Protein backbone atom coordinates (compact mmCIF):
# COMPACT_ATOMS: atom_id res chain seq x y z
CA MET A 1 -50.94 -93.15 -20.70
CA VAL A 2 -49.82 -90.42 -23.12
CA MET A 3 -46.61 -91.24 -24.99
CA ASP A 4 -44.47 -89.76 -27.71
CA VAL A 5 -45.27 -91.16 -31.14
CA THR A 6 -41.67 -92.45 -31.12
CA GLN A 7 -42.62 -94.90 -28.38
CA THR A 8 -44.15 -98.13 -29.59
CA THR A 9 -47.31 -99.71 -28.24
CA ALA A 10 -46.58 -103.08 -29.91
CA GLY A 11 -46.08 -104.71 -26.52
CA GLN A 12 -49.48 -103.53 -25.29
CA LEU A 13 -51.48 -103.99 -28.52
CA LYS A 14 -51.49 -107.78 -28.59
CA ALA A 15 -53.89 -107.94 -31.53
CA LEU A 16 -51.39 -106.04 -33.69
CA GLY A 17 -48.86 -108.88 -33.51
CA ARG A 18 -50.95 -111.10 -35.79
CA PHE A 19 -51.15 -108.39 -38.43
CA ARG A 20 -47.37 -107.98 -38.36
CA GLN A 21 -46.81 -111.70 -38.75
CA ILE A 22 -48.90 -111.76 -41.94
CA ASN A 23 -46.95 -108.85 -43.43
CA ASP A 24 -43.58 -110.28 -42.42
CA THR A 25 -44.30 -113.58 -44.19
CA PHE A 26 -46.03 -112.20 -47.32
CA PRO A 27 -46.33 -113.44 -50.03
CA ARG A 28 -46.03 -116.90 -48.49
CA THR A 29 -48.44 -116.37 -45.61
CA GLU A 30 -50.08 -119.17 -43.65
CA GLN A 31 -53.55 -118.05 -44.83
CA ILE A 32 -52.55 -118.19 -48.51
CA ARG A 33 -50.96 -121.62 -48.05
CA GLU A 34 -54.05 -122.94 -46.28
CA HIS A 35 -56.30 -121.64 -49.07
CA LYS A 36 -54.16 -123.37 -51.71
CA ASN A 37 -53.95 -126.59 -49.68
CA GLN A 38 -57.75 -126.76 -49.71
CA GLY A 39 -57.62 -126.88 -53.51
CA LYS A 40 -58.88 -123.31 -53.85
CA LYS A 41 -57.59 -120.62 -56.17
CA VAL A 42 -55.70 -117.42 -55.41
CA PHE A 43 -55.77 -114.43 -57.78
CA GLY A 44 -53.48 -111.43 -57.74
CA TRP A 45 -54.85 -107.96 -58.49
CA LEU A 46 -53.28 -104.64 -59.39
CA CYS A 47 -54.94 -101.27 -58.78
CA THR A 48 -57.94 -100.31 -56.66
CA TYR A 49 -60.16 -100.15 -59.77
CA VAL A 50 -60.23 -103.97 -59.89
CA PRO A 51 -63.56 -105.14 -58.36
CA GLU A 52 -62.48 -107.59 -55.67
CA GLU A 53 -66.05 -108.65 -54.90
CA ILE A 54 -66.28 -110.42 -58.28
CA ILE A 55 -63.20 -112.49 -57.47
CA HIS A 56 -64.31 -113.20 -53.90
CA ALA A 57 -67.81 -114.25 -55.01
CA ALA A 58 -66.22 -116.93 -57.21
CA GLY A 59 -64.65 -118.55 -54.13
CA ILE A 60 -61.20 -117.20 -55.02
CA LEU A 61 -58.88 -115.45 -52.56
CA PRO A 62 -57.95 -111.99 -53.94
CA VAL A 63 -54.40 -110.92 -53.04
CA ARG A 64 -52.99 -107.52 -53.89
CA VAL A 65 -49.74 -107.75 -55.87
CA THR A 66 -47.16 -105.41 -54.35
CA GLY A 67 -43.40 -105.11 -54.62
CA TYR A 68 -40.69 -105.50 -52.04
CA SER A 69 -41.36 -103.97 -48.64
CA GLN A 70 -38.04 -102.13 -48.80
CA GLU A 71 -35.98 -100.33 -51.43
CA MET A 72 -34.12 -102.97 -53.46
CA GLU A 73 -31.78 -103.33 -56.41
CA LEU A 74 -34.06 -104.21 -59.32
CA GLU A 75 -31.75 -105.94 -61.80
CA ASP A 76 -34.45 -108.23 -63.24
CA GLY A 77 -37.12 -105.56 -63.19
CA ASN A 78 -34.81 -103.12 -64.98
CA ALA A 79 -33.92 -105.75 -67.58
CA TYR A 80 -37.55 -106.06 -68.70
CA LEU A 81 -38.97 -102.59 -68.00
CA TYR A 82 -37.41 -99.26 -68.93
CA ILE A 83 -36.21 -97.37 -65.89
CA ASN A 84 -38.63 -94.58 -66.74
CA ASN A 85 -41.34 -96.96 -65.55
CA CYS A 86 -41.93 -96.43 -61.84
CA SER A 87 -40.01 -98.57 -59.35
CA PHE A 88 -43.30 -99.99 -58.05
CA SER A 89 -44.00 -101.72 -61.37
CA ARG A 90 -40.38 -102.87 -61.67
CA SER A 91 -40.40 -104.20 -58.10
CA CYS A 92 -43.62 -106.17 -58.66
CA LEU A 93 -42.31 -107.59 -61.93
CA GLN A 94 -39.04 -108.68 -60.35
CA MET A 95 -40.89 -110.56 -57.60
CA GLY A 96 -42.98 -112.27 -60.26
CA LEU A 97 -39.97 -113.18 -62.41
CA ARG A 98 -38.22 -114.66 -59.37
CA GLY A 99 -41.16 -116.94 -58.59
CA GLU A 100 -42.35 -115.19 -55.45
CA TYR A 101 -45.91 -115.15 -56.80
CA GLU A 102 -45.81 -118.65 -58.23
CA PHE A 103 -48.91 -119.62 -56.23
CA LEU A 104 -51.18 -117.28 -58.23
CA ASP A 105 -53.86 -118.84 -60.43
CA GLY A 106 -54.81 -115.54 -62.02
CA MET A 107 -53.83 -111.90 -62.46
CA VAL A 108 -56.35 -109.07 -62.84
CA ALA A 109 -55.40 -105.45 -63.50
CA GLY A 110 -56.85 -102.12 -64.47
CA SER A 111 -55.45 -100.16 -67.39
CA THR A 112 -54.97 -97.10 -65.19
CA CYS A 113 -51.44 -95.89 -65.98
CA ASP A 114 -48.54 -96.79 -68.27
CA GLY A 115 -46.66 -98.54 -65.46
CA ALA A 116 -49.59 -100.80 -64.56
CA ARG A 117 -50.32 -101.58 -68.21
CA ARG A 118 -46.72 -102.49 -69.04
CA LEU A 119 -46.43 -104.58 -65.87
CA PHE A 120 -49.53 -106.55 -66.84
CA ASP A 121 -48.29 -107.10 -70.40
CA LEU A 122 -44.92 -108.45 -69.26
CA TRP A 123 -46.48 -110.56 -66.52
CA GLN A 124 -48.75 -112.17 -69.09
CA HIS A 125 -45.88 -112.83 -71.49
CA TYR A 126 -43.16 -114.06 -69.11
CA ILE A 127 -44.81 -115.32 -65.93
CA LYS A 128 -47.72 -117.15 -67.54
CA THR A 129 -50.28 -117.22 -64.74
CA PRO A 130 -53.22 -119.42 -65.91
CA PHE A 131 -55.83 -116.63 -65.97
CA TYR A 132 -55.37 -113.02 -67.10
CA HIS A 133 -57.72 -110.11 -67.43
CA ILE A 134 -57.30 -106.35 -67.69
CA LEU A 135 -60.15 -103.86 -67.38
CA THR A 136 -60.32 -100.61 -69.32
CA VAL A 137 -60.94 -97.89 -66.72
CA PRO A 138 -62.42 -94.57 -67.91
CA ARG A 139 -60.87 -91.35 -66.63
CA LYS A 140 -64.20 -89.60 -66.10
CA TYR A 141 -67.31 -90.04 -63.94
CA THR A 142 -69.95 -89.30 -66.59
CA GLU A 143 -72.90 -91.65 -67.14
CA LYS A 144 -71.33 -92.69 -70.43
CA ALA A 145 -68.13 -93.57 -68.53
CA HIS A 146 -70.12 -95.56 -65.98
CA GLY A 147 -71.80 -97.42 -68.83
CA LEU A 148 -68.43 -98.32 -70.33
CA TYR A 149 -66.98 -99.48 -67.03
CA TYR A 150 -70.09 -101.55 -66.25
CA GLN A 151 -69.58 -103.40 -69.53
CA GLN A 152 -65.94 -103.98 -68.56
CA VAL A 153 -66.97 -105.49 -65.22
CA VAL A 154 -69.60 -107.68 -66.94
CA GLN A 155 -66.98 -108.93 -69.41
CA PHE A 156 -64.58 -109.66 -66.56
CA LYS A 157 -67.26 -111.66 -64.72
CA GLU A 158 -68.11 -113.62 -67.88
CA HIS A 159 -64.45 -114.31 -68.60
CA LEU A 160 -63.96 -115.57 -65.03
CA GLU A 161 -67.08 -117.77 -65.27
CA GLU A 162 -65.76 -119.26 -68.50
CA PHE A 163 -62.39 -119.98 -66.87
CA LEU A 164 -64.00 -121.63 -63.84
CA GLY A 165 -66.72 -123.45 -65.79
CA GLN A 166 -69.41 -122.15 -63.42
CA LYS A 167 -71.68 -119.14 -62.97
CA ILE A 168 -71.24 -116.53 -60.25
CA ALA A 169 -74.72 -116.09 -58.77
CA ASP A 170 -76.14 -112.77 -57.63
CA GLU A 171 -76.53 -114.22 -54.14
CA GLN A 172 -72.79 -114.88 -53.99
CA LEU A 173 -72.12 -111.32 -55.13
CA ARG A 174 -74.45 -109.91 -52.45
CA HIS A 175 -72.60 -111.90 -49.80
CA SER A 176 -69.22 -110.60 -51.04
CA ILE A 177 -70.54 -107.04 -51.03
CA GLU A 178 -71.60 -107.53 -47.40
CA VAL A 179 -68.18 -108.90 -46.39
CA TYR A 180 -66.24 -106.12 -48.12
CA ASN A 181 -68.56 -103.38 -46.88
CA GLN A 182 -68.02 -104.66 -43.34
CA ALA A 183 -64.25 -104.30 -43.83
CA ARG A 184 -64.78 -100.73 -45.04
CA VAL A 185 -66.91 -99.88 -42.00
CA LEU A 186 -64.33 -101.33 -39.61
CA LEU A 187 -61.44 -99.48 -41.26
CA LYS A 188 -63.44 -96.27 -41.04
CA GLN A 189 -63.86 -96.90 -37.31
CA LEU A 190 -60.09 -97.34 -37.00
CA TYR A 191 -59.51 -94.01 -38.75
CA GLU A 192 -62.10 -92.28 -36.57
CA LEU A 193 -59.90 -93.07 -33.56
CA ARG A 194 -57.08 -91.12 -35.21
CA LYS A 195 -59.10 -87.90 -35.12
CA ALA A 196 -58.45 -87.69 -31.38
CA ASP A 197 -55.87 -85.17 -30.12
CA THR A 198 -53.86 -88.12 -28.80
CA PRO A 199 -54.89 -91.17 -30.88
CA PRO A 200 -54.43 -94.70 -29.50
CA ILE A 201 -52.66 -95.98 -32.63
CA SER A 202 -49.83 -94.54 -34.73
CA GLY A 203 -49.69 -94.06 -38.47
CA ALA A 204 -47.11 -96.84 -38.92
CA GLU A 205 -49.24 -99.27 -36.93
CA THR A 206 -52.30 -98.35 -39.00
CA MET A 207 -50.39 -99.18 -42.18
CA GLU A 208 -49.58 -102.62 -40.76
CA VAL A 209 -53.33 -103.22 -40.47
CA LEU A 210 -54.02 -101.91 -43.99
CA ASN A 211 -51.33 -104.13 -45.52
CA THR A 212 -52.85 -107.20 -43.90
CA SER A 213 -56.22 -106.44 -45.48
CA PHE A 214 -54.69 -107.21 -48.91
CA HIS A 215 -53.02 -110.47 -47.88
CA MET A 216 -55.64 -112.68 -46.24
CA PRO A 217 -59.31 -113.70 -46.42
CA LYS A 218 -61.54 -110.70 -45.68
CA GLU A 219 -63.69 -112.70 -43.26
CA THR A 220 -60.68 -113.42 -41.03
CA PHE A 221 -59.37 -109.88 -41.43
CA ASN A 222 -62.71 -108.47 -40.30
CA GLN A 223 -62.66 -110.60 -37.17
CA TRP A 224 -59.09 -109.61 -36.35
CA LEU A 225 -59.86 -105.93 -36.89
CA LYS A 226 -62.90 -106.14 -34.59
CA GLU A 227 -60.65 -107.56 -31.89
CA LEU A 228 -58.06 -104.81 -32.44
CA LEU A 229 -60.74 -102.11 -32.25
CA ASP A 230 -62.01 -103.63 -29.03
CA GLU A 231 -58.49 -103.60 -27.59
CA LEU A 232 -57.92 -100.01 -28.69
CA GLY A 233 -61.20 -99.00 -27.07
CA LYS A 234 -59.96 -100.34 -23.73
CA SER A 235 -56.35 -99.16 -24.07
CA SER A 236 -55.07 -96.15 -22.17
CA ASN A 237 -52.23 -95.63 -24.63
CA ARG A 238 -52.21 -92.31 -26.46
CA HIS A 239 -49.81 -90.86 -29.06
CA GLN A 240 -48.74 -87.25 -29.37
CA GLY A 241 -46.30 -85.48 -31.66
CA ARG A 242 -44.90 -82.13 -32.72
CA ALA A 243 -47.43 -81.79 -35.55
CA ARG A 244 -50.35 -83.68 -37.08
CA LEU A 245 -49.50 -84.84 -40.60
CA MET A 246 -51.26 -86.29 -43.63
CA VAL A 247 -49.42 -88.42 -46.21
CA VAL A 248 -50.54 -88.29 -49.86
CA GLY A 249 -49.22 -89.49 -53.21
CA SER A 250 -48.16 -92.64 -55.03
CA VAL A 251 -48.77 -96.24 -54.00
CA MET A 252 -47.01 -96.88 -50.69
CA ASN A 253 -47.31 -99.80 -48.29
CA ASN A 254 -44.10 -99.52 -46.26
CA PRO A 255 -44.75 -98.82 -42.56
CA GLU A 256 -41.04 -98.03 -42.15
CA PHE A 257 -41.49 -94.86 -44.21
CA ILE A 258 -44.24 -93.69 -41.86
CA LYS A 259 -42.14 -94.78 -38.90
CA SER A 260 -39.22 -92.64 -40.11
CA ILE A 261 -41.53 -89.59 -39.99
CA GLU A 262 -42.95 -90.52 -36.62
CA ALA A 263 -39.44 -91.14 -35.27
CA GLN A 264 -39.05 -87.37 -35.50
CA ARG A 265 -42.35 -86.91 -33.67
CA GLY A 266 -44.42 -86.09 -36.71
CA LEU A 267 -47.75 -87.78 -35.93
CA VAL A 268 -49.32 -89.21 -39.11
CA VAL A 269 -53.07 -89.09 -38.48
CA THR A 270 -54.50 -89.70 -41.95
CA ASP A 271 -53.55 -90.25 -45.59
CA GLU A 272 -54.69 -90.29 -49.19
CA LEU A 273 -53.15 -93.37 -50.78
CA CYS A 274 -54.44 -96.24 -52.91
CA THR A 275 -53.30 -98.53 -50.10
CA SER A 276 -55.36 -96.66 -47.50
CA THR A 277 -58.31 -94.25 -47.69
CA ARG A 278 -58.79 -94.60 -51.44
CA TYR A 279 -59.04 -98.37 -50.95
CA TRP A 280 -61.73 -98.48 -48.27
CA SER A 281 -63.54 -95.13 -48.26
CA ASP A 282 -66.73 -95.82 -50.22
CA PRO A 283 -69.12 -98.77 -49.71
CA VAL A 284 -70.95 -100.59 -52.46
CA VAL A 285 -74.52 -99.21 -52.31
CA LEU A 286 -76.91 -101.90 -53.48
CA ALA A 287 -80.41 -100.51 -54.06
CA GLU A 288 -83.41 -102.80 -53.84
CA GLY A 289 -83.84 -104.67 -57.10
CA GLN A 290 -80.51 -103.41 -58.48
CA SER A 291 -78.04 -105.76 -60.17
CA PRO A 292 -75.08 -106.45 -57.82
CA VAL A 293 -72.68 -106.12 -60.77
CA LYS A 294 -74.04 -102.66 -61.59
CA ALA A 295 -73.73 -101.57 -57.95
CA ILE A 296 -70.15 -102.86 -57.80
CA SER A 297 -69.11 -101.16 -61.04
CA ARG A 298 -70.59 -97.82 -59.94
CA ARG A 299 -68.79 -97.94 -56.61
CA TYR A 300 -65.38 -98.68 -58.13
CA LEU A 301 -65.51 -95.90 -60.70
CA SER A 302 -67.01 -93.38 -58.23
CA ASN A 303 -64.68 -94.27 -55.35
CA PHE A 304 -62.20 -91.77 -53.83
CA PRO A 305 -60.45 -90.77 -57.07
CA CYS A 306 -56.92 -91.50 -58.19
CA ALA A 307 -54.87 -88.63 -59.63
CA ARG A 308 -55.54 -90.08 -63.11
CA MET A 309 -59.22 -89.10 -62.92
CA VAL A 310 -60.50 -85.85 -64.41
CA PRO A 311 -61.56 -83.35 -63.39
CA SER A 312 -59.45 -83.33 -60.22
CA ASP A 313 -61.95 -81.31 -58.19
CA GLU A 314 -63.54 -84.30 -56.43
CA ARG A 315 -60.18 -85.68 -55.31
CA PHE A 316 -59.07 -82.28 -54.02
CA ARG A 317 -62.39 -81.80 -52.23
CA ARG A 318 -61.97 -85.08 -50.39
CA ILE A 319 -58.37 -84.35 -49.44
CA LEU A 320 -59.28 -80.92 -48.05
CA ASN A 321 -62.12 -82.50 -46.07
CA LEU A 322 -59.69 -84.98 -44.52
CA VAL A 323 -57.32 -82.13 -43.66
CA LYS A 324 -60.12 -80.41 -41.74
CA GLU A 325 -61.60 -83.51 -40.11
CA PHE A 326 -58.24 -84.79 -38.83
CA LYS A 327 -56.95 -81.31 -37.84
CA VAL A 328 -53.89 -81.67 -40.09
CA ASP A 329 -51.04 -79.18 -39.63
CA GLY A 330 -49.07 -80.18 -42.71
CA VAL A 331 -49.16 -82.56 -45.68
CA VAL A 332 -46.30 -84.83 -46.79
CA SER A 333 -46.46 -85.77 -50.48
CA GLN A 334 -44.38 -88.81 -51.47
CA ILE A 335 -44.28 -89.42 -55.21
CA ILE A 336 -42.41 -92.30 -56.79
CA ARG A 337 -40.12 -91.19 -59.60
CA TYR A 338 -41.88 -91.45 -62.98
CA CYS A 339 -45.33 -91.67 -61.36
CA VAL A 340 -46.73 -89.25 -63.93
CA PRO A 341 -50.35 -88.82 -62.70
CA TYR A 342 -49.28 -87.71 -59.23
CA ALA A 343 -46.37 -85.62 -60.45
CA HIS A 344 -48.70 -83.66 -62.76
CA ASP A 345 -51.24 -83.30 -59.97
CA LEU A 346 -48.80 -81.99 -57.36
CA PRO A 347 -48.76 -78.23 -58.19
CA LEU A 348 -52.56 -78.12 -58.31
CA LEU A 349 -52.88 -79.81 -54.93
CA ARG A 350 -50.22 -77.57 -53.42
CA ASP A 351 -52.20 -74.51 -54.51
CA ARG A 352 -55.42 -75.87 -52.98
CA LEU A 353 -53.66 -76.52 -49.69
CA LYS A 354 -52.02 -73.09 -49.76
CA ASP A 355 -55.47 -71.52 -50.10
CA ILE A 356 -56.48 -72.97 -46.71
CA GLY A 357 -53.10 -72.26 -45.09
CA VAL A 358 -51.73 -75.81 -44.93
CA PRO A 359 -48.06 -76.28 -45.95
CA MET A 360 -46.86 -79.23 -48.03
CA LEU A 361 -43.56 -81.10 -48.09
CA ALA A 362 -42.99 -82.77 -51.49
CA LEU A 363 -40.66 -85.80 -51.48
CA ASP A 364 -39.33 -87.54 -54.59
CA VAL A 365 -38.88 -91.21 -53.60
CA GLU A 366 -38.38 -94.75 -54.86
CA TYR A 367 -40.91 -97.44 -54.03
CA GLY A 368 -40.08 -99.17 -50.74
CA THR A 369 -37.97 -96.36 -49.32
CA SER A 370 -37.87 -96.29 -45.53
CA GLY A 371 -36.68 -92.72 -45.24
CA SER A 372 -33.10 -91.87 -46.20
CA GLY A 373 -30.94 -89.37 -44.34
CA GLN A 374 -31.87 -86.68 -46.85
CA ILE A 375 -35.59 -87.37 -46.40
CA GLN A 376 -35.22 -87.31 -42.63
CA THR A 377 -33.45 -83.95 -42.83
CA ARG A 378 -36.24 -82.48 -44.92
CA VAL A 379 -38.93 -83.89 -42.63
CA GLN A 380 -37.10 -82.43 -39.62
CA ALA A 381 -36.99 -78.98 -41.25
CA PHE A 382 -40.67 -79.26 -42.17
CA LEU A 383 -41.64 -80.10 -38.59
CA GLU A 384 -39.61 -77.18 -37.28
CA MET A 385 -41.42 -74.86 -39.69
CA LEU A 386 -44.82 -76.20 -38.55
CA GLU A 387 -43.85 -75.69 -34.91
CA ALA A 388 -42.78 -72.13 -35.65
CA ARG A 389 -46.21 -71.41 -37.22
CA LYS A 390 -47.91 -72.39 -33.96
CA ARG A 391 -45.95 -69.91 -31.83
């Protein structure tokens, strides 16, 4: 059954309902409560350069710290962070200050941008989670940079072992690598389905799945995703739209933003976000006889790059490959105000896309936006332009 992307398949995709329930109840999800009730620890993490496998191998549930799922007034966040810090950092801080992350036993961050660094500093000072650690993340991929980051990961592991009073064995790390690599393989399979001319799942529904991956044990997530993939393989539902779109830019985990684009029949088939492809793209490659910590550190620094990394060529190469593989007609860039790395990167990316004949729509947004009237108007005009190019 081929349907407009504006039509929902939620009624047919039964497996998707569980993912939605997790997202609707975050941060106080049933899985997090169960983990705490068993006397186990839960750590929050900021930024995809934080090696989750280290946390998981210690028997701790890693949970990604995000802000509100919609655009909100940020009185408390604004009181502690200058407004020229991005609204993502202010939103996360406000949730922390208001006790919505009171269940966390630790907070781990990467020193990747000013907003993340200031958020971590204030969290440490005012919220007082028992364990804190921030990793210095190089901006290059050189062997010297890999050596520095490896030492950072080793120090993080040692600090965590000291906090817990126990060692994290290599065997535990290998198991965590296996679990997380399985999640990456399954998410890749989900994205492969979106290469079809009429994919069985929409962009907004895909973001529901991605959000859940940050909010529950990976073992359970992997099982749920297997069941969803099985259901999608048997489903006759297919989505079509006026144009095939790719979303790029700042951190974004609001399915309503994607839904606002798809409500105008713009079919979002892929993306380049730290909450999507940049999170799951690359596996940890563990060579025979290699230290698991070294393999983990190399993967995290070499992963699909953030706009902070230099040179930008590797990031642009990967984006252009996605454009070709997913047959993208146009790219929508959504950049949170004061997100400096992506704002600086925008003109360079626009030029690369122009060279291959792919238009870009650049949107200046606040974190959590679901698509204002002005944004909808600009998306509508963009889709009309893409349709005109096809005639």
